[in-house]
PDB file of N, CA and C in Angstrom:
ATOM      1  N   MET A   1      85.914  36.036  53.442  1.00  0.00           N
ATOM      2  CA  MET A   1      85.788  34.812  54.202  1.00  0.00           C
ATOM      3  C   MET A   1      86.885  33.820  53.822  1.00  0.00           C
ATOM      4  N   HIS A   2      87.312  33.873  52.567  1.00  0.00           N
ATOM      5  CA  HIS A   2      88.360  32.961  52.114  1.00  0.00           C
ATOM      6  C   HIS A   2      89.656  33.192  52.883  1.00  0.00           C
ATOM      7  N   TRP A   3      89.995  34.449  53.135  1.00  0.00           N
ATOM      8  CA  TRP A   3      91.253  34.745  53.838  1.00  0.00           C
ATOM      9  C   TRP A   3      91.235  34.234  55.262  1.00  0.00           C
ATOM     10  N   LEU A   4      90.074  34.212  55.902  1.00  0.00           N
ATOM     11  CA  LEU A   4      89.965  33.662  57.246  1.00  0.00           C
ATOM     12  C   LEU A   4      90.281  32.174  57.237  1.00  0.00           C
ATOM     13  N   TRP A   5      89.747  31.466  56.248  1.00  0.00           N
ATOM     14  CA  TRP A   5      90.046  30.039  56.120  1.00  0.00           C
ATOM     15  C   TRP A   5      91.523  29.808  55.820  1.00  0.00           C
ATOM     16  N   VAL A   6      92.102  30.668  54.995  1.00  0.00           N
ATOM     17  CA  VAL A   6      93.525  30.534  54.673  1.00  0.00           C
ATOM     18  C   VAL A   6      94.360  30.688  55.942  1.00  0.00           C
ATOM     19  N   LEU A   7      94.023  31.657  56.785  1.00  0.00           N
ATOM     20  CA  LEU A   7      94.761  31.858  58.031  1.00  0.00           C
ATOM     21  C   LEU A   7      94.579  30.688  58.995  1.00  0.00           C
ATOM     22  N   ILE A   8      93.371  30.171  59.081  1.00  0.00           N
ATOM     23  CA  ILE A   8      93.113  29.041  59.979  1.00  0.00           C
ATOM     24  C   ILE A   8      93.860  27.799  59.508  1.00  0.00           C
ATOM     25  N   ILE A   9      93.769  27.484  58.228  1.00  0.00           N
ATOM     26  CA  ILE A   9      94.469  26.312  57.698  1.00  0.00           C
ATOM     27  C   ILE A   9      95.979  26.520  57.775  1.00  0.00           C
ATOM     28  N   GLY A  10      96.457  27.739  57.526  1.00  0.00           N
ATOM     29  CA  GLY A  10      97.885  28.044  57.672  1.00  0.00           C
ATOM     30  C   GLY A  10      98.361  27.826  59.092  1.00  0.00           C
ATOM     31  N   ALA A  11      97.545  28.213  60.075  1.00  0.00           N
ATOM     32  CA  ALA A  11      97.901  27.998  61.478  1.00  0.00           C
ATOM     33  C   ALA A  11      97.953  26.515  61.817  1.00  0.00           C
ATOM     34  N   ILE A  12      97.007  25.757  61.292  1.00  0.00           N
ATOM     35  CA  ILE A  12      96.998  24.310  61.549  1.00  0.00           C
ATOM     36  C   ILE A  12      98.206  23.648  60.905  1.00  0.00           C
ATOM     37  N   ILE A  13      98.531  24.042  59.675  1.00  0.00           N
ATOM     38  CA  ILE A  13      99.697  23.484  58.989  1.00  0.00           C
ATOM     39  C   ILE A  13     100.969  23.860  59.745  1.00  0.00           C
ATOM     40  N   GLY A  14     101.086  25.118  60.183  1.00  0.00           N
ATOM     41  CA  GLY A  14     102.256  25.545  60.942  1.00  0.00           C
ATOM     42  C   GLY A  14     102.371  24.833  62.282  1.00  0.00           C
ATOM     43  N   ALA A  15     101.248  24.657  62.972  1.00  0.00           N
ATOM     44  CA  ALA A  15     101.262  23.943  64.245  1.00  0.00           C
ATOM     45  C   ALA A  15     101.643  22.481  64.047  1.00  0.00           C
ATOM     46  N   THR A  16     101.160  21.882  62.972  1.00  0.00           N
ATOM     47  CA  THR A  16     101.526  20.497  62.664  1.00  0.00           C
ATOM     48  C   THR A  16     103.017  20.383  62.384  1.00  0.00           C
ATOM     49  N   ALA A  17     103.548  21.310  61.607  1.00  0.00           N
ATOM     50  CA  ALA A  17     104.990  21.299  61.324  1.00  0.00           C
ATOM     51  C   ALA A  17     105.794  21.524  62.592  1.00  0.00           C
ATOM     52  N   GLY A  18     105.322  22.413  63.471  1.00  0.00           N
ATOM     53  CA  GLY A  18     105.995  22.640  64.744  1.00  0.00           C
ATOM     54  C   GLY A  18     105.965  21.407  65.627  1.00  0.00           C
ATOM     55  N   ALA A  19     104.855  20.675  65.603  1.00  0.00           N
ATOM     56  CA  ALA A  19     104.756  19.452  66.391  1.00  0.00           C
ATOM     57  C   ALA A  19     105.659  18.357  65.838  1.00  0.00           C
ATOM     58  N   ILE A  20     105.768  18.275  64.524  1.00  0.00           N
ATOM     59  CA  ILE A  20     106.629  17.264  63.908  1.00  0.00           C
ATOM     60  C   ILE A  20     108.090  17.527  64.252  1.00  0.00           C
ATOM     61  N   THR A  21     108.482  18.797  64.243  1.00  0.00           N
ATOM     62  CA  THR A  21     109.878  19.149  64.515  1.00  0.00           C
ATOM     63  C   THR A  21     110.134  19.449  65.984  1.00  0.00           C
ATOM     64  N   SER A  22     109.114  19.423  66.819  1.00  0.00           N
ATOM     65  CA  SER A  22     109.155  19.759  68.249  1.00  0.00           C
ATOM     66  C   SER A  22     109.671  21.168  68.511  1.00  0.00           C
ATOM     67  N   LYS A  23     109.444  22.083  67.590  1.00  0.00           N
ATOM     68  CA  LYS A  23     109.841  23.483  67.732  1.00  0.00           C
ATOM     69  C   LYS A  23     108.642  24.410  67.802  1.00  0.00           C
ATOM     70  N   GLY A  24     107.445  23.895  67.715  1.00  0.00           N
ATOM     71  CA  GLY A  24     106.253  24.718  67.602  1.00  0.00           C
ATOM     72  C   GLY A  24     105.900  25.497  68.842  1.00  0.00           C
ATOM     73  N   LYS A  25     106.194  24.966  70.023  1.00  0.00           N
ATOM     74  CA  LYS A  25     105.826  25.664  71.248  1.00  0.00           C
ATOM     75  C   LYS A  25     106.628  26.941  71.430  1.00  0.00           C
ATOM     76  N   SER A  26     107.866  26.932  70.998  1.00  0.00           N
ATOM     77  CA  SER A  26     108.710  28.106  71.191  1.00  0.00           C
ATOM     78  C   SER A  26     108.461  29.182  70.136  1.00  0.00           C
ATOM     79  N   MET A  27     107.747  28.846  69.063  1.00  0.00           N
ATOM     80  CA  MET A  27     107.557  29.791  67.971  1.00  0.00           C
ATOM     81  C   MET A  27     106.406  30.755  68.212  1.00  0.00           C
ATOM     82  N   GLY A  28     105.344  30.342  68.856  1.00  0.00           N
ATOM     83  CA  GLY A  28     104.184  31.196  69.028  1.00  0.00           C
ATOM     84  C   GLY A  28     103.194  31.008  67.895  1.00  0.00           C
ATOM     85  N   TRP A  29     101.975  31.490  68.104  1.00  0.00           N
ATOM     86  CA  TRP A  29     100.921  31.206  67.129  1.00  0.00           C
ATOM     87  C   TRP A  29     101.043  32.056  65.877  1.00  0.00           C
ATOM     88  N   ILE A  30     101.558  33.269  65.971  1.00  0.00           N
ATOM     89  CA  ILE A  30     101.727  34.087  64.761  1.00  0.00           C
ATOM     90  C   ILE A  30     102.814  33.479  63.871  1.00  0.00           C
ATOM     91  N   ALA A  31     103.895  33.040  64.487  1.00  0.00           N
ATOM     92  CA  ALA A  31     104.961  32.401  63.718  1.00  0.00           C
ATOM     93  C   ALA A  31     104.486  31.084  63.110  1.00  0.00           C
ATOM     94  N   ASN A  32     103.594  30.374  63.800  1.00  0.00           N
ATOM     95  CA  ASN A  32     103.025  29.146  63.230  1.00  0.00           C
ATOM     96  C   ASN A  32     102.199  29.458  61.991  1.00  0.00           C
ATOM     97  N   ILE A  33     101.417  30.530  62.030  1.00  0.00           N
ATOM     98  CA  ILE A  33     100.627  30.919  60.854  1.00  0.00           C
ATOM     99  C   ILE A  33     101.557  31.285  59.700  1.00  0.00           C
ATOM    100  N   VAL A  34     102.578  32.082  59.984  1.00  0.00           N
ATOM    101  CA  VAL A  34     103.524  32.486  58.943  1.00  0.00           C
ATOM    102  C   VAL A  34     104.251  31.267  58.377  1.00  0.00           C
ATOM    103  N   ALA A  35     104.702  30.362  59.263  1.00  0.00           N
ATOM    104  CA  ALA A  35     105.386  29.149  58.799  1.00  0.00           C
ATOM    105  C   ALA A  35     104.450  28.294  57.949  1.00  0.00           C
ATOM    106  N   GLY A  36     103.188  28.225  58.326  1.00  0.00           N
ATOM    107  CA  GLY A  36     102.220  27.459  57.536  1.00  0.00           C
ATOM    108  C   GLY A  36     101.977  28.054  56.171  1.00  0.00           C
ATOM    109  N   LEU A  37     101.844  29.372  56.105  1.00  0.00           N
ATOM    110  CA  LEU A  37     101.579  30.036  54.818  1.00  0.00           C
ATOM    111  C   LEU A  37     102.807  30.007  53.911  1.00  0.00           C
ATOM    112  N   VAL A  38     103.972  30.336  54.469  1.00  0.00           N
ATOM    113  CA  VAL A  38     105.202  30.306  53.665  1.00  0.00           C
ATOM    114  C   VAL A  38     105.535  28.871  53.279  1.00  0.00           C
ATOM    115  N   GLY A  39     105.387  27.952  54.227  1.00  0.00           N
ATOM    116  CA  GLY A  39     105.645  26.537  53.933  1.00  0.00           C
ATOM    117  C   GLY A  39     104.714  25.977  52.891  1.00  0.00           C
ATOM    118  N   SER A  40     103.480  26.438  52.896  1.00  0.00           N
ATOM    119  CA  SER A  40     102.528  26.009  51.874  1.00  0.00           C
ATOM    120  C   SER A  40     102.982  26.450  50.494  1.00  0.00           C
ATOM    121  N   SER A  41     103.427  27.683  50.393  1.00  0.00           N
ATOM    122  CA  SER A  41     103.911  28.195  49.103  1.00  0.00           C
ATOM    123  C   SER A  41     105.145  27.432  48.644  1.00  0.00           C
ATOM    124  N   ILE A  42     106.085  27.230  49.548  1.00  0.00           N
ATOM    125  CA  ILE A  42     107.319  26.523  49.198  1.00  0.00           C
ATOM    126  C   ILE A  42     107.029  25.059  48.852  1.00  0.00           C
ATOM    127  N   GLY A  43     106.221  24.416  49.680  1.00  0.00           N
ATOM    128  CA  GLY A  43     105.891  23.008  49.442  1.00  0.00           C
ATOM    129  C   GLY A  43     105.185  22.775  48.129  1.00  0.00           C
ATOM    130  N   GLU A  44     104.241  23.642  47.796  1.00  0.00           N
ATOM    131  CA  GLU A  44     103.529  23.485  46.537  1.00  0.00           C
ATOM    132  C   GLU A  44     104.394  23.866  45.345  1.00  0.00           C
ATOM    133  N   ALA A  45     105.333  24.791  45.530  1.00  0.00           N
ATOM    134  CA  ALA A  45     106.248  25.136  44.433  1.00  0.00           C
ATOM    135  C   ALA A  45     107.206  23.987  44.143  1.00  0.00           C
ATOM    136  N   ILE A  46     107.653  23.305  45.187  1.00  0.00           N
ATOM    137  CA  ILE A  46     108.611  22.206  45.006  1.00  0.00           C
ATOM    138  C   ILE A  46     107.906  20.914  44.608  1.00  0.00           C
ATOM    139  N   LEU A  47     106.826  20.584  45.309  1.00  0.00           N
ATOM    140  CA  LEU A  47     106.195  19.272  45.144  1.00  0.00           C
ATOM    141  C   LEU A  47     104.929  19.282  44.302  1.00  0.00           C
ATOM    142  N   GLY A  48     104.390  20.439  43.990  1.00  0.00           N
ATOM    143  CA  GLY A  48     103.142  20.503  43.230  1.00  0.00           C
ATOM    144  C   GLY A  48     101.945  20.502  44.162  1.00  0.00           C
ATOM    145  N   SER A  49     100.776  20.519  43.598  1.00  0.00           N
ATOM    146  CA  SER A  49      99.551  20.597  44.414  1.00  0.00           C
ATOM    147  C   SER A  49      98.758  19.300  44.318  1.00  0.00           C
ATOM    148  N   TRP A  50      99.338  18.228  44.810  1.00  0.00           N
ATOM    149  CA  TRP A  50      98.654  16.940  44.799  1.00  0.00           C
ATOM    150  C   TRP A  50      98.106  16.651  46.192  1.00  0.00           C
ATOM    151  N   GLY A  51      97.198  15.742  46.288  1.00  0.00           N
ATOM    152  CA  GLY A  51      96.622  15.369  47.570  1.00  0.00           C
ATOM    153  C   GLY A  51      95.403  16.217  47.908  1.00  0.00           C
ATOM    154  N   PRO A  52      94.883  15.992  49.103  1.00  0.00           N
ATOM    155  CA  PRO A  52      93.694  16.749  49.513  1.00  0.00           C
ATOM    156  C   PRO A  52      94.001  18.231  49.674  1.00  0.00           C
ATOM    157  N   GLN A  53      92.996  19.063  49.386  1.00  0.00           N
ATOM    158  CA  GLN A  53      93.179  20.516  49.466  1.00  0.00           C
ATOM    159  C   GLN A  53      92.134  21.130  50.386  1.00  0.00           C
ATOM    160  N   LEU A  54      92.586  22.111  51.164  1.00  0.00           N
ATOM    161  CA  LEU A  54      91.706  22.924  51.989  1.00  0.00           C
ATOM    162  C   LEU A  54      92.104  24.371  51.785  1.00  0.00           C
ATOM    163  N   ALA A  55      91.151  25.239  51.583  1.00  0.00           N
ATOM    164  CA  ALA A  55      91.378  26.677  51.391  1.00  0.00           C
ATOM    165  C   ALA A  55      92.388  26.943  50.283  1.00  0.00           C
ATOM    166  N   GLY A  56      92.385  26.102  49.264  1.00  0.00           N
ATOM    167  CA  GLY A  56      93.279  26.294  48.133  1.00  0.00           C
ATOM    168  C   GLY A  56      94.698  25.826  48.366  1.00  0.00           C
ATOM    169  N   MET A  57      94.971  25.162  49.500  1.00  0.00           N
ATOM    170  CA  MET A  57      96.317  24.671  49.803  1.00  0.00           C
ATOM    171  C   MET A  57      96.303  23.152  49.825  1.00  0.00           C
ATOM    172  N   ALA A  58      97.249  22.548  49.108  1.00  0.00           N
ATOM    173  CA  ALA A  58      97.401  21.097  49.154  1.00  0.00           C
ATOM    174  C   ALA A  58      98.041  20.739  50.491  1.00  0.00           C
ATOM    175  N   ILE A  59      97.400  19.898  51.263  1.00  0.00           N
ATOM    176  CA  ILE A  59      97.779  19.669  52.655  1.00  0.00           C
ATOM    177  C   ILE A  59      99.150  19.011  52.793  1.00  0.00           C
ATOM    178  N   ILE A  60      99.395  17.924  52.108  1.00  0.00           N
ATOM    179  CA  ILE A  60     100.642  17.169  52.302  1.00  0.00           C
ATOM    180  C   ILE A  60     101.862  17.963  51.842  1.00  0.00           C
ATOM    181  N   PRO A  61     101.896  18.521  50.631  1.00  0.00           N
ATOM    182  CA  PRO A  61     103.051  19.350  50.267  1.00  0.00           C
ATOM    183  C   PRO A  61     103.207  20.583  51.166  1.00  0.00           C
ATOM    184  N   SER A  62     102.101  21.121  51.655  1.00  0.00           N
ATOM    185  CA  SER A  62     102.163  22.286  52.532  1.00  0.00           C
ATOM    186  C   SER A  62     102.812  21.940  53.863  1.00  0.00           C
ATOM    187  N   ILE A  63     102.464  20.787  54.425  1.00  0.00           N
ATOM    188  CA  ILE A  63     103.071  20.374  55.688  1.00  0.00           C
ATOM    189  C   ILE A  63     104.557  20.104  55.498  1.00  0.00           C
ATOM    190  N   ILE A  64     104.929  19.457  54.398  1.00  0.00           N
ATOM    191  CA  ILE A  64     106.348  19.199  54.127  1.00  0.00           C
ATOM    192  C   ILE A  64     107.097  20.518  53.969  1.00  0.00           C
ATOM    193  N   GLY A  65     106.541  21.456  53.248  1.00  0.00           N
ATOM    194  CA  GLY A  65     107.168  22.768  53.089  1.00  0.00           C
ATOM    195  C   GLY A  65     107.271  23.514  54.405  1.00  0.00           C
ATOM    196  N   ALA A  66     106.232  23.431  55.256  1.00  0.00           N
ATOM    197  CA  ALA A  66     106.260  24.100  56.554  1.00  0.00           C
ATOM    198  C   ALA A  66     107.300  23.478  57.476  1.00  0.00           C
ATOM    199  N   VAL A  67     107.469  22.162  57.403  1.00  0.00           N
ATOM    200  CA  VAL A  67     108.521  21.510  58.194  1.00  0.00           C
ATOM    201  C   VAL A  67     109.887  22.032  57.762  1.00  0.00           C
ATOM    202  N   ILE A  68     110.097  22.183  56.470  1.00  0.00           N
ATOM    203  CA  ILE A  68     111.361  22.721  55.967  1.00  0.00           C
ATOM    204  C   ILE A  68     111.574  24.139  56.488  1.00  0.00           C
ATOM    205  N   VAL A  69     110.534  24.968  56.445  1.00  0.00           N
ATOM    206  CA  VAL A  69     110.643  26.356  56.924  1.00  0.00           C
ATOM    207  C   VAL A  69     110.963  26.382  58.413  1.00  0.00           C
ATOM    208  N   VAL A  70     110.279  25.568  59.209  1.00  0.00           N
ATOM    209  CA  VAL A  70     110.509  25.556  60.656  1.00  0.00           C
ATOM    210  C   VAL A  70     111.923  25.097  60.980  1.00  0.00           C
ATOM    211  N   VAL A  71     112.411  24.076  60.302  1.00  0.00           N
ATOM    212  CA  VAL A  71     113.762  23.581  60.550  1.00  0.00           C
ATOM    213  C   VAL A  71     114.801  24.628  60.181  1.00  0.00           C
ATOM    214  N   VAL A  72     114.645  25.263  59.032  1.00  0.00           N
ATOM    215  CA  VAL A  72     115.613  26.273  58.591  1.00  0.00           C
ATOM    216  C   VAL A  72     115.602  27.486  59.526  1.00  0.00           C
ATOM    217  N   VAL A  73     114.419  27.972  59.876  1.00  0.00           N
ATOM    218  CA  VAL A  73     114.329  29.144  60.755  1.00  0.00           C
ATOM    219  C   VAL A  73     114.885  28.820  62.140  1.00  0.00           C
ATOM    220  N   SER A  74     114.545  27.665  62.693  1.00  0.00           N
ATOM    221  CA  SER A  74     115.054  27.318  64.020  1.00  0.00           C
ATOM    222  C   SER A  74     116.563  27.108  63.997  1.00  0.00           C
ATOM    223  N   PHE A  75     117.109  26.631  62.881  1.00  0.00           N
ATOM    224  CA  PHE A  75     118.562  26.478  62.761  1.00  0.00           C
ATOM    225  C   PHE A  75     119.253  27.835  62.831  1.00  0.00           C
ATOM    226  N   PHE A  76     118.750  28.801  62.079  1.00  0.00           N
ATOM    227  CA  PHE A  76     119.367  30.120  62.067  1.00  0.00           C
ATOM    228  C   PHE A  76     119.142  30.861  63.377  1.00  0.00           C
ATOM    229  N   LEU A  77     117.993  30.697  63.994  1.00  0.00           N
ATOM    230  CA  LEU A  77     117.743  31.353  65.276  1.00  0.00           C
ATOM    231  C   LEU A  77     118.607  30.768  66.381  1.00  0.00           C
ATOM    232  N   SER A  78     118.830  29.460  66.343  1.00  0.00           N
ATOM    233  CA  SER A  78     119.679  28.839  67.373  1.00  0.00           C
ATOM    234  C   SER A  78     121.132  29.243  67.196  1.00  0.00           C
ATOM    235  N   ARG A  79     121.571  29.490  65.982  1.00  0.00           N
ATOM    236  CA  ARG A  79     122.951  29.917  65.743  1.00  0.00           C
ATOM    237  C   ARG A  79     123.170  31.366  66.186  1.00  0.00           C
ATOM    238  N   SER A  80     122.129  32.190  66.089  1.00  0.00           N
ATOM    239  CA  SER A  80     122.288  33.603  66.427  1.00  0.00           C
ATOM    240  C   SER A  80     122.245  33.820  67.945  1.00  0.00           C
ATOM    241  N   THR A  81     121.739  32.870  68.719  1.00  0.00           N
ATOM    242  CA  THR A  81     121.683  33.036  70.168  1.00  0.00           C
ATOM    243  C   THR A  81     122.931  32.525  70.864  1.00  0.00           C
ATOM    244  N   ARG A  82     123.830  31.939  70.155  1.00  0.00           N
ATOM    245  CA  ARG A  82     125.063  31.418  70.777  1.00  0.00           C
ATOM    246  C   ARG A  82     126.029  32.515  71.060  1.00  0.00           C
TER     247      ARG A  82
END
């Protein structure tokens, strides 16, 4: 049951990061989940695990990390389509 919550919270974090960067609609829901989970790991590694937590993920550092992941991935994807 824990993994289901992790996926749901990861999707919400990824969708939030996509909305902040306005790149979320083009990524799809699977990419939003991946961006949320990877961004959560990166955000907590860089910023620590402070703030409110859901499913073992600190929300604010996770969103910041997911925004970084979305920006970096969209930068490289936009360069490869030129």
